[in-house]
Amino acid sequence: MARKGITYDEVAAVADRLVSQGELPTIQRVRDELGTGSPNTIHKHLTGWKETQPQAQREVVTLPDALAEALIREIERQALAARAGSEEKALEARRSADKLAEVGESIEEENEELKLKADILERERDQSQALASDRQHEIDRLVAACDREQQAAESARVELAKAQLTIDSYGERLNEQKLEVQRLAEKVDAERDSRQQAEQRAAVAESKVADLTTQIETMRTNLDSLTSELKESERERSNLSVFESKANDLKVQVSELDKKRSEADDERFKALSLNERNSAKLESAQDRIKQLEAQLEACQKQKAKVK
């Protein structure tokens, strides 16, 4: 919206003051007195003021009537002709000046509007620049935040890769421990079978020892009986060699039975020792299995935590 300009009353008051001071009121003098105002607006108001001013009276030259009449007629004719042209030119000039004043005033109003628009645009530009600066700061902040997020994501990927390696390591250890448990279980089964076989061999050896002991006792009883018979039949020289031969055979048989019993005792001792060793190995293997199961459970818990 155009700002309010100077008024007709202000221009008329300055013009009257200049006239009273003996000066000609011109556009520049009026503008200097007012200190402001558009030349076009001053021209329009000054033209209106001039139209309200009374015309100056002309002094009549006293001449002889005939000459005066003739001069008057000629002067009036020439003046009329000159005045007609001058008035036409003045009127045309005034119309042009008025038109120029209107155009100038319109241009000034447009300039004022353009200045206001320029001020508005300048404020909008400043606001846009401030907003752009704020947005640039926000963009910088978001870019920095994005960089931090990318760094955090990269760190998370590294940690995930480490965790995956740890999981893979735990998986390998679990597989190794499973294989170790399986191997120990097979070893325990083998030791259990060996123990059962040793127990069976020990039972067979004990049975053999018992049988051989019975046979030895029987042989000893027979030997004692034969010895008694031999003593009783000393008188019978003819049968002595037969009894001696039987006695020698029995002694050999007893010796062989003693040897077999000793071997059976050794075999039983070996079987019992093997059984004891197998029992110790079985207990050690069972303890190792328990340890591996505990480690396996700990690894599974650690793996669950890593996931």
Protein backbone atom coordinates (compact mmCIF):
# COMPACT_ATOMS: atom_id res chain seq x y z
CA MET A 1 0.00 0.00 0.00
CA ALA A 2 1.37 3.47 -1.03
CA ARG A 3 2.34 5.83 1.76
CA LYS A 4 0.31 9.01 2.32
CA GLY A 5 1.69 12.00 0.28
CA ILE A 6 1.55 15.75 0.84
CA THR A 7 -1.83 17.53 0.64
CA TYR A 8 -3.10 20.46 -1.39
CA ASP A 9 -3.41 22.63 1.73
CA GLU A 10 0.26 22.13 2.55
CA VAL A 11 1.32 23.12 -0.99
CA ALA A 12 -1.07 26.12 -1.05
CA ALA A 13 0.20 27.39 2.33
CA VAL A 14 3.83 27.24 1.15
CA ALA A 15 2.94 28.94 -2.16
CA ASP A 16 1.13 31.77 -0.35
CA ARG A 17 4.11 32.22 1.97
CA LEU A 18 6.54 32.41 -0.94
CA VAL A 19 4.36 34.96 -2.73
CA SER A 20 4.17 37.07 0.42
CA GLN A 21 7.97 36.97 0.55
CA GLY A 22 8.13 38.21 -3.04
CA GLU A 23 9.28 34.91 -4.47
CA LEU A 24 7.83 32.89 -7.30
CA PRO A 25 6.41 29.60 -6.05
CA THR A 26 8.06 26.89 -8.10
CA ILE A 27 7.98 23.13 -7.67
CA GLN A 28 11.54 22.98 -6.31
CA ARG A 29 11.03 25.90 -3.87
CA VAL A 30 7.82 24.36 -2.53
CA ARG A 31 9.56 20.99 -2.15
CA ASP A 32 12.49 22.68 -0.37
CA GLU A 33 10.09 24.40 2.03
CA LEU A 34 8.18 21.18 2.73
CA GLY A 35 11.33 19.07 2.95
CA THR A 36 9.58 16.21 1.20
CA GLY A 37 7.00 15.42 -1.45
CA SER A 38 6.83 14.14 -4.96
CA PRO A 39 7.49 16.73 -7.71
CA ASN A 40 4.50 15.36 -9.60
CA THR A 41 2.20 15.73 -6.60
CA ILE A 42 3.55 19.25 -5.90
CA HIS A 43 2.98 20.15 -9.57
CA LYS A 44 -0.62 18.95 -9.44
CA HIS A 45 -1.41 20.87 -6.23
CA LEU A 46 0.53 23.95 -7.36
CA THR A 47 -1.43 24.02 -10.64
CA GLY A 48 -4.69 23.88 -8.69
CA TRP A 49 -3.47 26.74 -6.43
CA LYS A 50 -2.56 28.92 -9.46
CA GLU A 51 -6.04 28.46 -10.90
CA THR A 52 -7.52 29.92 -7.73
CA GLN A 53 -5.32 33.04 -7.86
CA PRO A 54 -6.90 36.31 -9.25
CA GLN A 55 -5.63 37.61 -12.62
CA ALA A 56 -3.46 40.77 -12.44
CA GLN A 57 -5.10 43.96 -13.81
CA ARG A 58 -3.42 45.53 -16.85
CA GLU A 59 -2.75 49.31 -16.90
CA VAL A 60 -4.42 51.16 -19.76
CA VAL A 61 -2.10 53.38 -21.84
CA THR A 62 -3.63 56.78 -22.55
CA LEU A 63 -3.28 57.69 -26.20
CA PRO A 64 -5.20 59.82 -28.67
CA ASP A 65 -8.52 58.28 -29.27
CA ALA A 66 -7.98 57.61 -32.98
CA LEU A 67 -4.50 56.24 -32.43
CA ALA A 68 -5.50 54.48 -29.35
CA GLU A 69 -8.43 52.93 -31.07
CA ALA A 70 -6.30 51.90 -34.02
CA LEU A 71 -3.54 50.59 -31.76
CA ILE A 72 -6.05 48.84 -29.59
CA ARG A 73 -7.64 47.17 -32.53
CA GLU A 74 -4.27 46.06 -33.89
CA ILE A 75 -2.95 45.04 -30.52
CA GLU A 76 -6.13 43.17 -29.70
CA ARG A 77 -6.01 41.47 -33.08
CA GLN A 78 -2.38 40.45 -32.68
CA ALA A 79 -2.85 39.68 -29.01
CA LEU A 80 -5.93 37.67 -29.79
CA ALA A 81 -4.07 35.74 -32.42
CA ALA A 82 -1.02 35.36 -30.20
CA ARG A 83 -3.15 34.62 -27.15
CA ALA A 84 -5.16 32.05 -29.04
CA GLY A 85 -1.99 30.24 -30.06
CA SER A 86 -0.36 30.74 -26.68
CA GLU A 87 -3.43 29.68 -24.78
CA GLU A 88 -3.77 26.66 -27.02
CA LYS A 89 -0.09 25.82 -26.47
CA ALA A 90 -0.36 26.58 -22.76
CA LEU A 91 -3.49 24.50 -22.49
CA GLU A 92 -1.82 21.69 -24.38
CA ALA A 93 1.29 22.05 -22.21
CA ARG A 94 -0.85 22.06 -19.09
CA ARG A 95 -2.72 18.99 -20.28
CA SER A 96 0.63 17.32 -21.03
CA ALA A 97 2.00 18.42 -17.69
CA ASP A 98 -1.11 17.18 -15.92
CA LYS A 99 -0.88 13.93 -17.80
CA LEU A 100 2.80 13.65 -16.95
CA ALA A 101 2.00 14.52 -13.35
CA GLU A 102 -0.66 11.82 -13.25
CA VAL A 103 1.68 9.35 -14.89
CA GLY A 104 4.51 10.44 -12.58
CA GLU A 105 2.26 10.14 -9.55
CA SER A 106 1.11 6.73 -10.71
CA ILE A 107 4.72 5.76 -11.25
CA GLU A 108 5.60 7.07 -7.81
CA GLU A 109 2.74 5.08 -6.30
CA GLU A 110 3.94 2.05 -8.20
CA ASN A 111 7.46 2.79 -6.96
CA GLU A 112 6.15 3.01 -3.42
CA GLU A 113 4.33 -0.28 -3.86
CA LEU A 114 7.45 -1.77 -5.42
CA LYS A 115 9.50 -0.48 -2.49
CA LEU A 116 7.02 -2.05 -0.07
CA LYS A 117 7.12 -5.26 -2.08
CA ALA A 118 10.91 -5.02 -2.15
CA ASP A 119 10.91 -4.54 1.63
CA ILE A 120 8.57 -7.50 2.01
CA LEU A 121 10.70 -9.56 -0.37
CA GLU A 122 13.83 -8.49 1.48
CA ARG A 123 12.28 -9.54 4.79
CA GLU A 124 11.12 -12.77 3.21
CA ARG A 125 14.64 -13.21 1.79
CA ASP A 126 16.13 -12.64 5.25
CA GLN A 127 13.59 -15.05 6.73
CA SER A 128 14.36 -17.55 3.97
CA GLN A 129 18.07 -17.13 4.58
CA ALA A 130 17.54 -17.60 8.31
CA LEU A 131 15.31 -20.60 7.61
CA ALA A 132 17.89 -21.94 5.14
CA SER A 133 20.60 -21.44 7.77
CA ASP A 134 18.48 -23.25 10.37
CA ARG A 135 17.77 -26.02 7.90
CA GLN A 136 21.45 -26.21 7.01
CA HIS A 137 22.25 -26.54 10.71
CA GLU A 138 19.56 -29.21 10.97
CA ILE A 139 20.96 -30.94 7.87
CA ASP A 140 24.46 -30.80 9.38
CA ARG A 141 23.07 -32.18 12.65
CA LEU A 142 21.22 -34.95 10.81
CA VAL A 143 24.30 -35.74 8.71
CA ALA A 144 26.39 -35.92 11.89
CA ALA A 145 23.72 -38.10 13.51
CA CYS A 146 23.63 -40.25 10.38
CA ASP A 147 27.42 -40.57 10.51
CA ARG A 148 27.20 -41.57 14.18
CA GLU A 149 24.47 -44.07 13.34
CA GLN A 150 26.59 -45.48 10.50
CA GLN A 151 29.57 -45.74 12.84
CA ALA A 152 27.35 -47.41 15.45
CA ALA A 153 25.97 -49.75 12.78
CA GLU A 154 29.50 -50.56 11.62
CA SER A 155 30.54 -51.22 15.22
CA ALA A 156 27.45 -53.38 15.65
CA ARG A 157 28.35 -55.30 12.48
CA VAL A 158 31.89 -55.79 13.78
CA GLU A 159 30.56 -56.94 17.15
CA LEU A 160 28.08 -59.21 15.36
CA ALA A 161 30.90 -60.66 13.28
CA LYS A 162 32.93 -61.21 16.44
CA ALA A 163 29.92 -62.78 18.12
CA GLN A 164 29.40 -65.00 15.07
CA LEU A 165 33.04 -66.05 15.20
CA THR A 166 32.62 -66.74 18.91
CA ILE A 167 29.47 -68.76 18.17
CA ASP A 168 31.30 -70.66 15.44
CA SER A 169 34.19 -71.27 17.85
CA TYR A 170 31.77 -72.48 20.50
CA GLY A 171 30.09 -74.63 17.85
CA GLU A 172 33.42 -76.20 16.91
CA ARG A 173 34.24 -76.74 20.59
CA LEU A 174 30.79 -78.26 21.12
CA ASN A 175 31.30 -80.59 18.17
CA GLU A 176 34.75 -81.54 19.46
CA GLN A 177 33.38 -82.16 22.95
CA LYS A 178 30.47 -84.14 21.51
CA LEU A 179 32.96 -86.27 19.62
CA GLU A 180 35.06 -86.59 22.80
CA VAL A 181 31.96 -87.61 24.77
CA GLN A 182 31.04 -90.09 22.08
CA ARG A 183 34.60 -91.47 22.04
CA LEU A 184 34.63 -91.74 25.83
CA ALA A 185 31.19 -93.36 25.79
CA GLU A 186 32.47 -95.91 23.30
CA LYS A 187 35.56 -96.38 25.45
CA VAL A 188 33.33 -96.82 28.53
CA ASP A 189 31.26 -99.36 26.65
CA ALA A 190 34.44 -101.15 25.59
CA GLU A 191 35.79 -101.03 29.15
CA ARG A 192 32.42 -102.26 30.43
CA ASP A 193 32.53 -105.16 27.95
CA SER A 194 36.13 -105.86 28.90
CA ARG A 195 35.18 -105.76 32.57
CA GLN A 196 32.33 -108.15 31.96
CA GLN A 197 34.66 -110.46 30.02
CA ALA A 198 37.25 -110.21 32.83
CA GLU A 199 34.58 -110.98 35.38
CA GLN A 200 33.50 -113.93 33.28
CA ARG A 201 37.12 -115.11 32.95
CA ALA A 202 37.59 -114.61 36.70
CA ALA A 203 34.47 -116.65 37.38
CA VAL A 204 35.69 -119.38 35.03
CA ALA A 205 39.13 -119.28 36.67
CA GLU A 206 37.58 -119.52 40.12
CA SER A 207 35.51 -122.44 38.93
CA LYS A 208 38.62 -124.09 37.51
CA VAL A 209 40.55 -123.40 40.74
CA ALA A 210 37.70 -124.88 42.74
CA ASP A 211 37.59 -127.95 40.50
CA LEU A 212 41.36 -128.31 40.59
CA THR A 213 41.37 -127.87 44.37
CA THR A 214 38.74 -130.57 44.62
CA GLN A 215 40.74 -132.80 42.32
CA ILE A 216 43.92 -132.10 44.32
CA GLU A 217 42.14 -132.89 47.54
CA THR A 218 40.79 -136.06 45.97
CA MET A 219 44.26 -136.95 44.72
CA ARG A 220 45.76 -136.28 48.11
CA THR A 221 43.09 -138.45 49.69
CA ASN A 222 43.88 -141.16 47.18
CA LEU A 223 47.60 -140.67 47.80
CA ASP A 224 47.09 -140.99 51.51
CA SER A 225 45.00 -144.07 50.92
CA LEU A 226 47.63 -145.56 48.65
CA THR A 227 50.37 -144.68 51.09
CA SER A 228 48.42 -146.43 53.81
CA GLU A 229 47.91 -149.39 51.55
CA LEU A 230 51.59 -149.30 50.68
CA LYS A 231 52.60 -149.41 54.31
CA GLU A 232 50.16 -152.17 54.98
CA SER A 233 51.42 -154.13 52.00
CA GLU A 234 55.12 -153.76 52.60
CA ARG A 235 55.13 -157.32 53.32
CA GLU A 236 53.83 -158.06 49.97
CA ARG A 237 56.98 -157.40 48.00
CA SER A 238 55.55 -158.68 44.86
CA ASN A 239 52.98 -155.87 44.69
CA LEU A 240 55.35 -153.08 45.84
CA SER A 241 56.43 -152.01 42.41
CA VAL A 242 52.81 -151.66 41.31
CA PHE A 243 51.94 -149.46 44.24
CA GLU A 244 55.07 -147.39 43.79
CA SER A 245 54.21 -146.87 40.15
CA LYS A 246 50.68 -145.80 41.09
CA ALA A 247 52.05 -143.53 43.78
CA ASN A 248 54.48 -141.93 41.32
CA ASP A 249 51.67 -141.45 38.83
CA LEU A 250 49.56 -139.85 41.48
CA LYS A 251 52.46 -137.59 42.50
CA VAL A 252 52.88 -136.51 38.90
CA GLN A 253 49.18 -135.90 38.61
CA VAL A 254 49.21 -133.91 41.88
CA SER A 255 52.17 -131.89 40.65
CA GLU A 256 50.40 -131.15 37.37
CA LEU A 257 47.25 -130.26 39.26
CA ASP A 258 49.26 -127.94 41.53
CA LYS A 259 50.75 -126.34 38.46
CA LYS A 260 47.34 -125.92 36.88
CA ARG A 261 45.95 -124.53 40.12
CA SER A 262 48.85 -122.03 40.28
CA GLU A 263 48.19 -121.03 36.68
CA ALA A 264 44.50 -120.74 37.48
CA ASP A 265 45.35 -118.60 40.51
CA ASP A 266 47.56 -116.39 38.33
CA GLU A 267 44.82 -116.10 35.72
CA ARG A 268 42.28 -115.28 38.42
CA PHE A 269 44.65 -112.64 39.87
CA LYS A 270 45.19 -111.16 36.42
CA ALA A 271 41.45 -111.15 35.81
CA LEU A 272 40.81 -109.49 39.17
CA SER A 273 43.60 -106.93 38.52
CA LEU A 274 42.24 -106.25 35.06
CA ASN A 275 38.80 -105.93 36.54
CA GLU A 276 40.08 -103.43 39.10
CA ARG A 277 41.95 -101.47 36.42
CA ASN A 278 38.88 -101.50 34.20
CA SER A 279 36.78 -100.27 37.13
CA ALA A 280 39.24 -97.44 37.74
CA LYS A 281 39.26 -96.57 34.03
CA LEU A 282 35.47 -96.74 33.98
CA GLU A 283 35.19 -94.37 36.94
CA SER A 284 37.77 -92.01 35.35
CA ALA A 285 35.89 -92.10 32.06
CA GLN A 286 32.60 -91.41 33.83
CA ASP A 287 34.19 -88.45 35.66
CA ARG A 288 35.54 -87.16 32.32
CA ILE A 289 32.08 -87.51 30.78
CA LYS A 290 30.57 -85.50 33.65
CA GLN A 291 33.22 -82.79 33.17
CA LEU A 292 32.57 -82.65 29.42
CA GLU A 293 28.82 -82.54 30.00
CA ALA A 294 29.33 -79.61 32.41
CA GLN A 295 31.55 -77.84 29.84
CA LEU A 296 28.99 -78.59 27.12
CA GLU A 297 26.21 -77.09 29.22
CA ALA A 298 28.36 -74.00 29.99
CA CYS A 299 29.14 -73.57 26.28
CA GLN A 300 25.45 -73.83 25.39
CA LYS A 301 24.58 -71.19 27.98
CA GLN A 302 27.37 -68.91 26.68
CA LYS A 303 26.14 -69.47 23.13
CA ALA A 304 22.60 -68.54 24.15
CA LYS A 305 23.92 -65.34 25.78
CA VAL A 306 25.88 -64.42 22.65
CA LYS A 307 22.76 -64.86 20.49
